[in-house]
Amino acid sequence: MNIKQLLLEALVFFVLTFIVTAGVSYLYSLLVHGTGAFNWDSAIQFAIIFGIVFPIVNATGRRKKK
């Protein structure tokens, strides 16, 4: 896996995780507290963590299979 493909995969995971986490935090806030508010802190934290970890795990998993 080259670095370009790894960075693209990291970006995809970052965007998807950010969207899902922001949506879940909004729905939770709306249903539990009655006010629709995003929790940007946790959305960015999860997106950074998963955006780094998942592509690396996928790359090492593919390397072991070869």
N, C-alpha and C. Protein backbone atom coordinates (compact mmCIF):
# COMPACT_ATOMS: atom_id res chain seq x y z
N MET A 1 0.85 -1.17 0.00
CA MET A 1 0.00 0.00 0.00
C MET A 1 0.90 1.23 0.00
N ASN A 2 0.66 2.10 -0.93
CA ASN A 2 1.47 3.31 -0.97
C ASN A 2 0.87 4.39 -0.08
N ILE A 3 1.63 5.43 0.13
CA ILE A 3 1.24 6.49 1.07
C ILE A 3 0.01 7.26 0.56
N LYS A 4 -0.10 7.41 -0.77
CA LYS A 4 -1.24 8.13 -1.33
C LYS A 4 -2.55 7.40 -1.04
N GLN A 5 -2.54 6.10 -1.20
CA GLN A 5 -3.73 5.30 -0.94
C GLN A 5 -4.06 5.30 0.56
N LEU A 6 -3.04 5.26 1.40
CA LEU A 6 -3.24 5.29 2.85
C LEU A 6 -3.86 6.62 3.29
N LEU A 7 -3.38 7.73 2.73
CA LEU A 7 -3.93 9.04 3.07
C LEU A 7 -5.36 9.21 2.57
N LEU A 8 -5.64 8.67 1.39
CA LEU A 8 -7.01 8.74 0.87
C LEU A 8 -7.97 7.94 1.75
N GLU A 9 -7.54 6.76 2.16
CA GLU A 9 -8.36 5.93 3.04
C GLU A 9 -8.55 6.60 4.40
N ALA A 10 -7.51 7.25 4.91
CA ALA A 10 -7.61 7.97 6.18
C ALA A 10 -8.61 9.12 6.07
N LEU A 11 -8.58 9.83 4.96
CA LEU A 11 -9.51 10.94 4.75
C LEU A 11 -10.95 10.44 4.67
N VAL A 12 -11.17 9.33 3.99
CA VAL A 12 -12.51 8.77 3.88
C VAL A 12 -13.04 8.35 5.25
N PHE A 13 -12.21 7.66 6.04
CA PHE A 13 -12.62 7.26 7.37
C PHE A 13 -12.87 8.48 8.26
N PHE A 14 -12.04 9.52 8.13
CA PHE A 14 -12.22 10.73 8.91
C PHE A 14 -13.57 11.38 8.63
N VAL A 15 -13.88 11.54 7.36
CA VAL A 15 -15.13 12.20 6.97
C VAL A 15 -16.34 11.38 7.42
N LEU A 16 -16.32 10.08 7.17
CA LEU A 16 -17.45 9.23 7.55
C LEU A 16 -17.65 9.21 9.07
N THR A 17 -16.56 9.07 9.80
CA THR A 17 -16.67 9.04 11.26
C THR A 17 -17.16 10.37 11.80
N PHE A 18 -16.68 11.47 11.23
CA PHE A 18 -17.12 12.80 11.67
C PHE A 18 -18.61 12.98 11.44
N ILE A 19 -19.09 12.61 10.27
CA ILE A 19 -20.52 12.77 9.95
C ILE A 19 -21.38 11.92 10.87
N VAL A 20 -21.01 10.67 11.05
CA VAL A 20 -21.81 9.77 11.89
C VAL A 20 -21.80 10.23 13.35
N THR A 21 -20.64 10.59 13.87
CA THR A 21 -20.56 11.02 15.27
C THR A 21 -21.31 12.32 15.51
N ALA A 22 -21.20 13.26 14.59
CA ALA A 22 -21.94 14.52 14.73
C ALA A 22 -23.45 14.27 14.67
N GLY A 23 -23.88 13.39 13.77
CA GLY A 23 -25.30 13.07 13.67
C GLY A 23 -25.84 12.37 14.90
N VAL A 24 -25.07 11.44 15.44
CA VAL A 24 -25.50 10.72 16.64
C VAL A 24 -25.56 11.66 17.84
N SER A 25 -24.57 12.53 17.98
CA SER A 25 -24.59 13.47 19.11
C SER A 25 -25.75 14.45 18.99
N TYR A 26 -26.08 14.85 17.76
CA TYR A 26 -27.22 15.74 17.55
C TYR A 26 -28.53 15.04 17.93
N LEU A 27 -28.70 13.82 17.44
CA LEU A 27 -29.93 13.09 17.76
C LEU A 27 -30.05 12.80 19.26
N TYR A 28 -28.95 12.45 19.90
CA TYR A 28 -28.97 12.22 21.34
C TYR A 28 -29.38 13.49 22.08
N SER A 29 -28.79 14.60 21.70
CA SER A 29 -29.11 15.86 22.35
C SER A 29 -30.58 16.24 22.12
N LEU A 30 -31.05 15.97 20.92
CA LEU A 30 -32.43 16.30 20.59
C LEU A 30 -33.42 15.43 21.35
N LEU A 31 -33.14 14.13 21.44
CA LEU A 31 -34.08 13.21 22.09
C LEU A 31 -34.02 13.28 23.60
N VAL A 32 -32.84 13.39 24.16
CA VAL A 32 -32.69 13.35 25.62
C VAL A 32 -32.90 14.72 26.26
N HIS A 33 -32.28 15.74 25.68
CA HIS A 33 -32.32 17.06 26.31
C HIS A 33 -33.35 17.99 25.68
N GLY A 34 -33.88 17.65 24.54
CA GLY A 34 -34.88 18.48 23.91
C GLY A 34 -34.31 19.62 23.09
N THR A 35 -33.00 19.75 23.04
CA THR A 35 -32.37 20.79 22.23
C THR A 35 -31.41 20.12 21.25
N GLY A 36 -31.45 20.53 20.04
CA GLY A 36 -30.56 19.95 19.04
C GLY A 36 -29.22 20.65 19.05
N ALA A 37 -28.21 20.01 19.58
CA ALA A 37 -26.86 20.60 19.61
C ALA A 37 -25.84 19.54 19.24
N PHE A 38 -24.88 19.95 18.44
CA PHE A 38 -23.80 19.04 18.05
C PHE A 38 -22.72 19.06 19.11
N ASN A 39 -22.08 17.93 19.31
CA ASN A 39 -20.90 17.86 20.18
C ASN A 39 -19.68 17.77 19.26
N TRP A 40 -19.17 18.93 18.86
CA TRP A 40 -18.08 18.97 17.90
C TRP A 40 -16.80 18.36 18.44
N ASP A 41 -16.56 18.51 19.76
CA ASP A 41 -15.33 17.99 20.36
C ASP A 41 -15.22 16.48 20.17
N SER A 42 -16.24 15.76 20.54
CA SER A 42 -16.17 14.30 20.42
C SER A 42 -16.19 13.86 18.96
N ALA A 43 -16.89 14.59 18.10
CA ALA A 43 -16.93 14.23 16.68
C ALA A 43 -15.54 14.34 16.06
N ILE A 44 -14.83 15.41 16.38
CA ILE A 44 -13.48 15.58 15.82
C ILE A 44 -12.51 14.57 16.44
N GLN A 45 -12.63 14.32 17.73
CA GLN A 45 -11.74 13.35 18.37
C GLN A 45 -11.91 11.95 17.79
N PHE A 46 -13.14 11.50 17.69
CA PHE A 46 -13.38 10.17 17.12
C PHE A 46 -12.92 10.11 15.66
N ALA A 47 -13.17 11.16 14.90
CA ALA A 47 -12.79 11.16 13.49
C ALA A 47 -11.27 11.09 13.34
N ILE A 48 -10.53 11.80 14.16
CA ILE A 48 -9.07 11.75 14.09
C ILE A 48 -8.57 10.37 14.48
N ILE A 49 -9.08 9.84 15.57
CA ILE A 49 -8.62 8.53 16.05
C ILE A 49 -8.92 7.44 15.03
N PHE A 50 -10.17 7.35 14.58
CA PHE A 50 -10.54 6.30 13.64
C PHE A 50 -9.94 6.55 12.26
N GLY A 51 -9.76 7.81 11.89
CA GLY A 51 -9.13 8.13 10.61
C GLY A 51 -7.68 7.70 10.54
N ILE A 52 -7.02 7.58 11.68
CA ILE A 52 -5.64 7.11 11.72
C ILE A 52 -5.57 5.61 11.92
N VAL A 53 -6.37 5.09 12.84
CA VAL A 53 -6.25 3.68 13.23
C VAL A 53 -6.75 2.72 12.15
N PHE A 54 -7.93 2.94 11.60
CA PHE A 54 -8.51 1.98 10.66
C PHE A 54 -7.68 1.78 9.39
N PRO A 55 -7.18 2.83 8.74
CA PRO A 55 -6.34 2.58 7.56
C PRO A 55 -5.05 1.83 7.89
N ILE A 56 -4.47 2.09 9.04
CA ILE A 56 -3.25 1.38 9.42
C ILE A 56 -3.55 -0.09 9.69
N VAL A 57 -4.65 -0.37 10.36
CA VAL A 57 -5.04 -1.76 10.61
C VAL A 57 -5.32 -2.48 9.29
N ASN A 58 -6.01 -1.81 8.38
CA ASN A 58 -6.28 -2.42 7.08
C ASN A 58 -5.00 -2.68 6.30
N ALA A 59 -4.07 -1.75 6.37
CA ALA A 59 -2.80 -1.91 5.64
C ALA A 59 -1.98 -3.07 6.21
N THR A 60 -1.92 -3.18 7.51
CA THR A 60 -1.15 -4.28 8.11
C THR A 60 -1.85 -5.61 7.89
N GLY A 61 -3.16 -5.63 7.87
CA GLY A 61 -3.90 -6.87 7.61
C GLY A 61 -3.69 -7.36 6.19
N ARG A 62 -3.64 -6.44 5.23
CA ARG A 62 -3.40 -6.82 3.84
C ARG A 62 -1.96 -7.30 3.64
N ARG A 63 -1.04 -6.68 4.37
CA ARG A 63 0.36 -7.06 4.24
C ARG A 63 0.61 -8.46 4.76
N LYS A 64 -0.08 -8.86 5.84
CA LYS A 64 0.10 -10.19 6.41
C LYS A 64 -0.47 -11.27 5.49
N LYS A 65 -1.51 -10.96 4.73
CA LYS A 65 -2.14 -11.96 3.85
C LYS A 65 -1.26 -12.28 2.65
N LYS A 66 -0.39 -11.36 2.27
CA LYS A 66 0.46 -11.59 1.08
C LYS A 66 1.58 -12.49 1.34
